[in-house]
């Protein structure tokens, strides 16, 4: 029997269409970009991508069994203090003080955020440990890449870029906060042009 290769499908998600919702702990606002399974609650997703507005210092929501990646999008930044469960002993401090700085930590960790100078906006990738793995890269300017994963999300973090996939004649234009989701890209060529910056999220199911 012949094996039919997976055909990549794309979905353009406009930042202007994202819906604001309260954080799990009620301490801020999040806008979901995408999740799997679609419509999964905060305790049932395999992966979730979102944008968060952080207006004040305080504790992060805790997600047992989740690996988290946080990227600073705008603002003066934040310091994330990880302590043991008693809160008495410091484990590590993650500094996000420049746009597109990245921190990675376990979702069950006790994390308290200190704002450097006012509110920030952050990009969040959450992946359920044992069910999937996620990788985050920062792409700046014009570049050519090969995509191969179960899901790839190209999030425009700043500026404007055009993305041309495979043999497509017409590029997709992404403005800040827009995302191009690509399901089952199998060695798919990707050409990015423009002066903006992209976050490239590759997710593989395990």
C-alpha atoms as a PDB file:
ATOM      1  CA  UNK A   1       0.000   0.000   0.000  1.00  0.00           C
ATOM      2  CA  UNK A   2       1.364   3.422  -0.909  1.00  0.00           C
ATOM      3  CA  UNK A   3       2.000   5.806   1.949  1.00  0.00           C
ATOM      4  CA  UNK A   4       0.378   9.188   1.450  1.00  0.00           C
ATOM      5  CA  UNK A   5       2.543  11.979   2.914  1.00  0.00           C
ATOM      6  CA  UNK A   6       1.010  14.376   5.391  1.00  0.00           C
ATOM      7  CA  UNK A   7      -0.087  17.615   3.758  1.00  0.00           C
ATOM      8  CA  UNK A   8       0.576  20.763   5.735  1.00  0.00           C
ATOM      9  CA  UNK A   9      -2.404  22.967   6.536  1.00  0.00           C
ATOM     10  CA  UNK A  10      -2.160  26.603   7.575  1.00  0.00           C
ATOM     11  CA  UNK A  11      -4.287  28.868   9.732  1.00  0.00           C
ATOM     12  CA  UNK A  12      -3.770  32.627  10.021  1.00  0.00           C
ATOM     13  CA  UNK A  13      -4.595  33.916  13.508  1.00  0.00           C
ATOM     14  CA  UNK A  14      -4.885  37.692  13.751  1.00  0.00           C
ATOM     15  CA  UNK A  15      -3.777  39.335  16.987  1.00  0.00           C
ATOM     16  CA  UNK A  16      -6.762  41.692  16.823  1.00  0.00           C
ATOM     17  CA  UNK A  17      -9.103  38.675  17.095  1.00  0.00           C
ATOM     18  CA  UNK A  18      -7.617  37.245  20.306  1.00  0.00           C
ATOM     19  CA  UNK A  19      -9.988  37.248  23.290  1.00  0.00           C
ATOM     20  CA  UNK A  20      -8.875  38.387  26.746  1.00  0.00           C
ATOM     21  CA  UNK A  21      -9.502  36.086  29.736  1.00  0.00           C
ATOM     22  CA  UNK A  22      -8.363  36.127  33.384  1.00  0.00           C
ATOM     23  CA  UNK A  23      -5.287  34.176  34.470  1.00  0.00           C
ATOM     24  CA  UNK A  24      -5.723  30.868  36.253  1.00  0.00           C
ATOM     25  CA  UNK A  25      -4.921  32.640  39.550  1.00  0.00           C
ATOM     26  CA  UNK A  26      -6.859  35.803  38.620  1.00  0.00           C
ATOM     27  CA  UNK A  27      -3.748  38.006  38.764  1.00  0.00           C
ATOM     28  CA  UNK A  28      -3.688  39.202  35.166  1.00  0.00           C
ATOM     29  CA  UNK A  29      -5.069  38.842  31.645  1.00  0.00           C
ATOM     30  CA  UNK A  30      -4.201  36.253  28.987  1.00  0.00           C
ATOM     31  CA  UNK A  31      -5.110  35.919  25.314  1.00  0.00           C
ATOM     32  CA  UNK A  32      -4.976  32.395  23.913  1.00  0.00           C
ATOM     33  CA  UNK A  33      -3.331  32.099  20.506  1.00  0.00           C
ATOM     34  CA  UNK A  34      -3.824  28.362  20.136  1.00  0.00           C
ATOM     35  CA  UNK A  35      -4.126  25.104  22.066  1.00  0.00           C
ATOM     36  CA  UNK A  36      -4.444  21.373  21.581  1.00  0.00           C
ATOM     37  CA  UNK A  37      -6.919  19.805  21.861  1.00  0.00           C
ATOM     38  CA  UNK A  38      -8.965  22.762  20.608  1.00  0.00           C
ATOM     39  CA  UNK A  39     -11.046  24.222  23.404  1.00  0.00           C
ATOM     40  CA  UNK A  40      -9.167  22.319  26.128  1.00  0.00           C
ATOM     41  CA  UNK A  41      -9.334  23.831  29.610  1.00  0.00           C
ATOM     42  CA  UNK A  42      -6.302  24.956  31.585  1.00  0.00           C
ATOM     43  CA  UNK A  43      -5.982  21.524  33.209  1.00  0.00           C
ATOM     44  CA  UNK A  44      -6.463  19.447  30.041  1.00  0.00           C
ATOM     45  CA  UNK A  45      -4.333  20.891  27.215  1.00  0.00           C
ATOM     46  CA  UNK A  46      -1.389  19.105  25.580  1.00  0.00           C
ATOM     47  CA  UNK A  47       0.028  22.466  24.589  1.00  0.00           C
ATOM     48  CA  UNK A  48      -1.085  26.080  24.825  1.00  0.00           C
ATOM     49  CA  UNK A  49       0.282  29.326  23.392  1.00  0.00           C
ATOM     50  CA  UNK A  50      -0.851  32.697  24.720  1.00  0.00           C
ATOM     51  CA  UNK A  51       0.007  36.359  25.284  1.00  0.00           C
ATOM     52  CA  UNK A  52      -0.162  37.749  28.813  1.00  0.00           C
ATOM     53  CA  UNK A  53      -0.378  41.312  30.124  1.00  0.00           C
ATOM     54  CA  UNK A  54       1.398  41.630  33.471  1.00  0.00           C
ATOM     55  CA  UNK A  55       0.431  44.827  35.265  1.00  0.00           C
ATOM     56  CA  UNK A  56       1.787  44.130  38.745  1.00  0.00           C
ATOM     57  CA  UNK A  57       4.250  41.983  40.646  1.00  0.00           C
ATOM     58  CA  UNK A  58       3.069  38.738  42.162  1.00  0.00           C
ATOM     59  CA  UNK A  59       3.029  34.937  41.974  1.00  0.00           C
ATOM     60  CA  UNK A  60       2.676  32.999  38.749  1.00  0.00           C
ATOM     61  CA  UNK A  61      -0.096  30.452  38.281  1.00  0.00           C
ATOM     62  CA  UNK A  62       1.213  26.938  38.886  1.00  0.00           C
ATOM     63  CA  UNK A  63       0.702  24.141  36.359  1.00  0.00           C
ATOM     64  CA  UNK A  64       1.780  20.678  37.525  1.00  0.00           C
ATOM     65  CA  UNK A  65       3.406  18.554  34.814  1.00  0.00           C
ATOM     66  CA  UNK A  66       3.824  21.470  32.395  1.00  0.00           C
ATOM     67  CA  UNK A  67       7.061  22.781  30.859  1.00  0.00           C
ATOM     68  CA  UNK A  68       6.886  26.544  30.369  1.00  0.00           C
ATOM     69  CA  UNK A  69       8.673  28.968  28.077  1.00  0.00           C
ATOM     70  CA  UNK A  70       8.225  32.707  28.623  1.00  0.00           C
ATOM     71  CA  UNK A  71       9.397  35.390  26.174  1.00  0.00           C
ATOM     72  CA  UNK A  72       9.382  39.130  26.921  1.00  0.00           C
ATOM     73  CA  UNK A  73       7.559  41.033  24.160  1.00  0.00           C
ATOM     74  CA  UNK A  74       7.469  44.580  25.505  1.00  0.00           C
ATOM     75  CA  UNK A  75       8.027  46.651  28.626  1.00  0.00           C
ATOM     76  CA  UNK A  76      11.108  47.138  30.789  1.00  0.00           C
ATOM     77  CA  UNK A  77      10.993  43.499  31.792  1.00  0.00           C
ATOM     78  CA  UNK A  78      10.694  41.302  34.855  1.00  0.00           C
ATOM     79  CA  UNK A  79      12.701  39.169  37.217  1.00  0.00           C
ATOM     80  CA  UNK A  80      11.258  35.743  38.011  1.00  0.00           C
ATOM     81  CA  UNK A  81      12.309  34.439  41.406  1.00  0.00           C
ATOM     82  CA  UNK A  82      12.024  30.669  41.862  1.00  0.00           C
ATOM     83  CA  UNK A  83      12.008  29.435  45.463  1.00  0.00           C
ATOM     84  CA  UNK A  84      11.361  26.124  47.169  1.00  0.00           C
ATOM     85  CA  UNK A  85       7.814  25.390  48.331  1.00  0.00           C
ATOM     86  CA  UNK A  86       8.441  27.059  51.685  1.00  0.00           C
ATOM     87  CA  UNK A  87       9.415  30.276  49.928  1.00  0.00           C
ATOM     88  CA  UNK A  88      12.428  30.557  52.221  1.00  0.00           C
ATOM     89  CA  UNK A  89      15.194  29.311  49.917  1.00  0.00           C
ATOM     90  CA  UNK A  90      16.030  30.813  46.538  1.00  0.00           C
ATOM     91  CA  UNK A  91      16.510  28.355  43.672  1.00  0.00           C
ATOM     92  CA  UNK A  92      17.106  30.661  40.703  1.00  0.00           C
ATOM     93  CA  UNK A  93      16.237  34.065  39.266  1.00  0.00           C
ATOM     94  CA  UNK A  94      15.322  34.359  35.581  1.00  0.00           C
ATOM     95  CA  UNK A  95      15.998  37.826  34.139  1.00  0.00           C
ATOM     96  CA  UNK A  96      13.952  39.030  31.177  1.00  0.00           C
ATOM     97  CA  UNK A  97      15.093  42.601  30.611  1.00  0.00           C
ATOM     98  CA  UNK A  98      15.425  42.880  26.821  1.00  0.00           C
ATOM     99  CA  UNK A  99      12.743  42.225  24.194  1.00  0.00           C
ATOM    100  CA  UNK A 100      12.692  38.539  23.196  1.00  0.00           C
ATOM    101  CA  UNK A 101      14.634  37.385  26.260  1.00  0.00           C
ATOM    102  CA  UNK A 102      13.569  33.807  27.051  1.00  0.00           C
ATOM    103  CA  UNK A 103      13.078  31.907  30.335  1.00  0.00           C
ATOM    104  CA  UNK A 104      12.244  28.215  30.663  1.00  0.00           C
ATOM    105  CA  UNK A 105      11.012  26.594  33.882  1.00  0.00           C
ATOM    106  CA  UNK A 106       8.737  23.896  35.264  1.00  0.00           C
ATOM    107  CA  UNK A 107       5.086  24.863  35.580  1.00  0.00           C
ATOM    108  CA  UNK A 108       4.846  23.471  39.112  1.00  0.00           C
ATOM    109  CA  UNK A 109       7.728  25.672  40.307  1.00  0.00           C
ATOM    110  CA  UNK A 110       6.986  28.427  42.811  1.00  0.00           C
ATOM    111  CA  UNK A 111       7.647  31.597  40.773  1.00  0.00           C
ATOM    112  CA  UNK A 112       7.188  35.205  41.885  1.00  0.00           C
ATOM    113  CA  UNK A 113       7.529  38.029  39.356  1.00  0.00           C
ATOM    114  CA  UNK A 114       9.141  41.404  40.057  1.00  0.00           C
ATOM    115  CA  UNK A 115       8.543  44.091  37.425  1.00  0.00           C
ATOM    116  CA  UNK A 116      11.595  46.161  36.476  1.00  0.00           C
ATOM    117  CA  UNK A 117       9.665  49.348  35.639  1.00  0.00           C
ATOM    118  CA  UNK A 118       5.966  49.003  34.932  1.00  0.00           C
ATOM    119  CA  UNK A 119       3.773  46.609  32.998  1.00  0.00           C
ATOM    120  CA  UNK A 120       5.032  44.013  30.511  1.00  0.00           C
ATOM    121  CA  UNK A 121       3.615  41.839  27.732  1.00  0.00           C
ATOM    122  CA  UNK A 122       4.818  38.275  27.468  1.00  0.00           C
ATOM    123  CA  UNK A 123       4.537  35.299  25.138  1.00  0.00           C
ATOM    124  CA  UNK A 124       3.838  31.948  26.806  1.00  0.00           C
ATOM    125  CA  UNK A 125       4.333  28.401  25.570  1.00  0.00           C
ATOM    126  CA  UNK A 126       3.088  25.613  27.854  1.00  0.00           C
ATOM    127  CA  UNK A 127       3.605  21.942  26.965  1.00  0.00           C
ATOM    128  CA  UNK A 128       2.443  18.906  28.934  1.00  0.00           C
ATOM    129  CA  UNK A 129       5.497  16.909  29.966  1.00  0.00           C
ATOM    130  CA  UNK A 130       5.480  13.389  28.531  1.00  0.00           C
ATOM    131  CA  UNK A 131       2.849  14.225  25.909  1.00  0.00           C
ATOM    132  CA  UNK A 132       4.778  16.726  23.765  1.00  0.00           C
ATOM    133  CA  UNK A 133       7.957  18.759  23.578  1.00  0.00           C
ATOM    134  CA  UNK A 134       8.251  22.345  22.386  1.00  0.00           C
ATOM    135  CA  UNK A 135      11.132  24.391  21.003  1.00  0.00           C
ATOM    136  CA  UNK A 136      11.251  28.188  20.729  1.00  0.00           C
ATOM    137  CA  UNK A 137      13.539  30.096  18.370  1.00  0.00           C
ATOM    138  CA  UNK A 138      13.841  33.812  17.603  1.00  0.00           C
ATOM    139  CA  UNK A 139      14.083  34.656  13.894  1.00  0.00           C
ATOM    140  CA  UNK A 140      15.048  38.191  12.895  1.00  0.00           C
ATOM    141  CA  UNK A 141      14.991  39.697   9.429  1.00  0.00           C
ATOM    142  CA  UNK A 142      15.089  37.754   6.173  1.00  0.00           C
ATOM    143  CA  UNK A 143      15.773  34.041   6.567  1.00  0.00           C
ATOM    144  CA  UNK A 144      15.108  30.691   4.915  1.00  0.00           C
ATOM    145  CA  UNK A 145      14.306  27.636   7.047  1.00  0.00           C
ATOM    146  CA  UNK A 146      12.955  24.107   6.784  1.00  0.00           C
ATOM    147  CA  UNK A 147       9.977  23.253   8.990  1.00  0.00           C
ATOM    148  CA  UNK A 148       9.414  19.736  10.287  1.00  0.00           C
ATOM    149  CA  UNK A 149       7.228  19.080  13.348  1.00  0.00           C
ATOM    150  CA  UNK A 150       3.687  18.107  14.275  1.00  0.00           C
ATOM    151  CA  UNK A 151       2.783  21.791  14.666  1.00  0.00           C
ATOM    152  CA  UNK A 152       4.723  24.989  13.960  1.00  0.00           C
ATOM    153  CA  UNK A 153       3.511  28.419  15.049  1.00  0.00           C
ATOM    154  CA  UNK A 154       5.169  31.531  13.624  1.00  0.00           C
ATOM    155  CA  UNK A 155       4.302  34.445  15.922  1.00  0.00           C
ATOM    156  CA  UNK A 156       5.171  37.976  14.789  1.00  0.00           C
ATOM    157  CA  UNK A 157       6.703  39.538  17.885  1.00  0.00           C
ATOM    158  CA  UNK A 158       7.440  42.942  16.328  1.00  0.00           C
ATOM    159  CA  UNK A 159       7.290  44.792  13.039  1.00  0.00           C
ATOM    160  CA  UNK A 160       5.909  43.144   9.913  1.00  0.00           C
ATOM    161  CA  UNK A 161       7.076  40.082   7.979  1.00  0.00           C
ATOM    162  CA  UNK A 162       5.980  38.047   4.975  1.00  0.00           C
ATOM    163  CA  UNK A 163       6.105  34.249   5.092  1.00  0.00           C
ATOM    164  CA  UNK A 164       6.188  32.066   1.977  1.00  0.00           C
ATOM    165  CA  UNK A 165       5.719  28.322   2.465  1.00  0.00           C
ATOM    166  CA  UNK A 166       6.744  25.598   0.026  1.00  0.00           C
ATOM    167  CA  UNK A 167       5.816  26.390  -3.535  1.00  0.00           C
ATOM    168  CA  UNK A 168       3.122  28.946  -2.665  1.00  0.00           C
ATOM    169  CA  UNK A 169       3.114  31.957  -4.941  1.00  0.00           C
ATOM    170  CA  UNK A 170       1.579  34.393  -2.458  1.00  0.00           C
ATOM    171  CA  UNK A 171       3.204  35.106   0.911  1.00  0.00           C
ATOM    172  CA  UNK A 172       1.267  35.501   4.154  1.00  0.00           C
ATOM    173  CA  UNK A 173       1.836  38.929   5.713  1.00  0.00           C
ATOM    174  CA  UNK A 174       2.050  38.986   9.504  1.00  0.00           C
ATOM    175  CA  UNK A 175       1.822  42.117  11.621  1.00  0.00           C
ATOM    176  CA  UNK A 176       2.716  42.295  15.325  1.00  0.00           C
ATOM    177  CA  UNK A 177       0.757  39.702  17.392  1.00  0.00           C
ATOM    178  CA  UNK A 178      -0.348  37.749  14.285  1.00  0.00           C
ATOM    179  CA  UNK A 179       0.399  34.018  14.156  1.00  0.00           C
ATOM    180  CA  UNK A 180       0.666  31.584  11.263  1.00  0.00           C
ATOM    181  CA  UNK A 181      -0.116  28.066  12.486  1.00  0.00           C
ATOM    182  CA  UNK A 182       1.129  25.210  10.308  1.00  0.00           C
ATOM    183  CA  UNK A 183      -0.065  21.679  11.083  1.00  0.00           C
ATOM    184  CA  UNK A 184       2.016  18.654   9.983  1.00  0.00           C
ATOM    185  CA  UNK A 185       4.748  20.474   8.065  1.00  0.00           C
ATOM    186  CA  UNK A 186       6.976  17.708   6.680  1.00  0.00           C
ATOM    187  CA  UNK A 187      10.308  19.171   5.550  1.00  0.00           C
ATOM    188  CA  UNK A 188       8.436  22.267   4.372  1.00  0.00           C
ATOM    189  CA  UNK A 189      10.504  25.168   3.092  1.00  0.00           C
ATOM    190  CA  UNK A 190       9.812  28.553   4.694  1.00  0.00           C
ATOM    191  CA  UNK A 191      11.083  31.924   3.508  1.00  0.00           C
ATOM    192  CA  UNK A 192      10.668  34.919   5.815  1.00  0.00           C
ATOM    193  CA  UNK A 193      11.221  38.462   4.540  1.00  0.00           C
ATOM    194  CA  UNK A 194      10.992  41.803   6.323  1.00  0.00           C
ATOM    195  CA  UNK A 195      12.529  43.705   9.199  1.00  0.00           C
ATOM    196  CA  UNK A 196      10.334  42.242  11.943  1.00  0.00           C
ATOM    197  CA  UNK A 197      11.024  39.467  14.444  1.00  0.00           C
ATOM    198  CA  UNK A 198       9.322  36.073  14.658  1.00  0.00           C
ATOM    199  CA  UNK A 199       9.033  33.517  17.422  1.00  0.00           C
ATOM    200  CA  UNK A 200       9.131  30.079  15.780  1.00  0.00           C
ATOM    201  CA  UNK A 201       7.485  27.428  17.966  1.00  0.00           C
ATOM    202  CA  UNK A 202       7.957  23.777  16.953  1.00  0.00           C
ATOM    203  CA  UNK A 203       5.852  21.178  18.785  1.00  0.00           C
ATOM    204  CA  UNK A 204       6.319  17.428  18.530  1.00  0.00           C
ATOM    205  CA  UNK A 205       4.038  14.867  20.150  1.00  0.00           C
ATOM    206  CA  UNK A 206       5.692  12.072  22.134  1.00  0.00           C
END
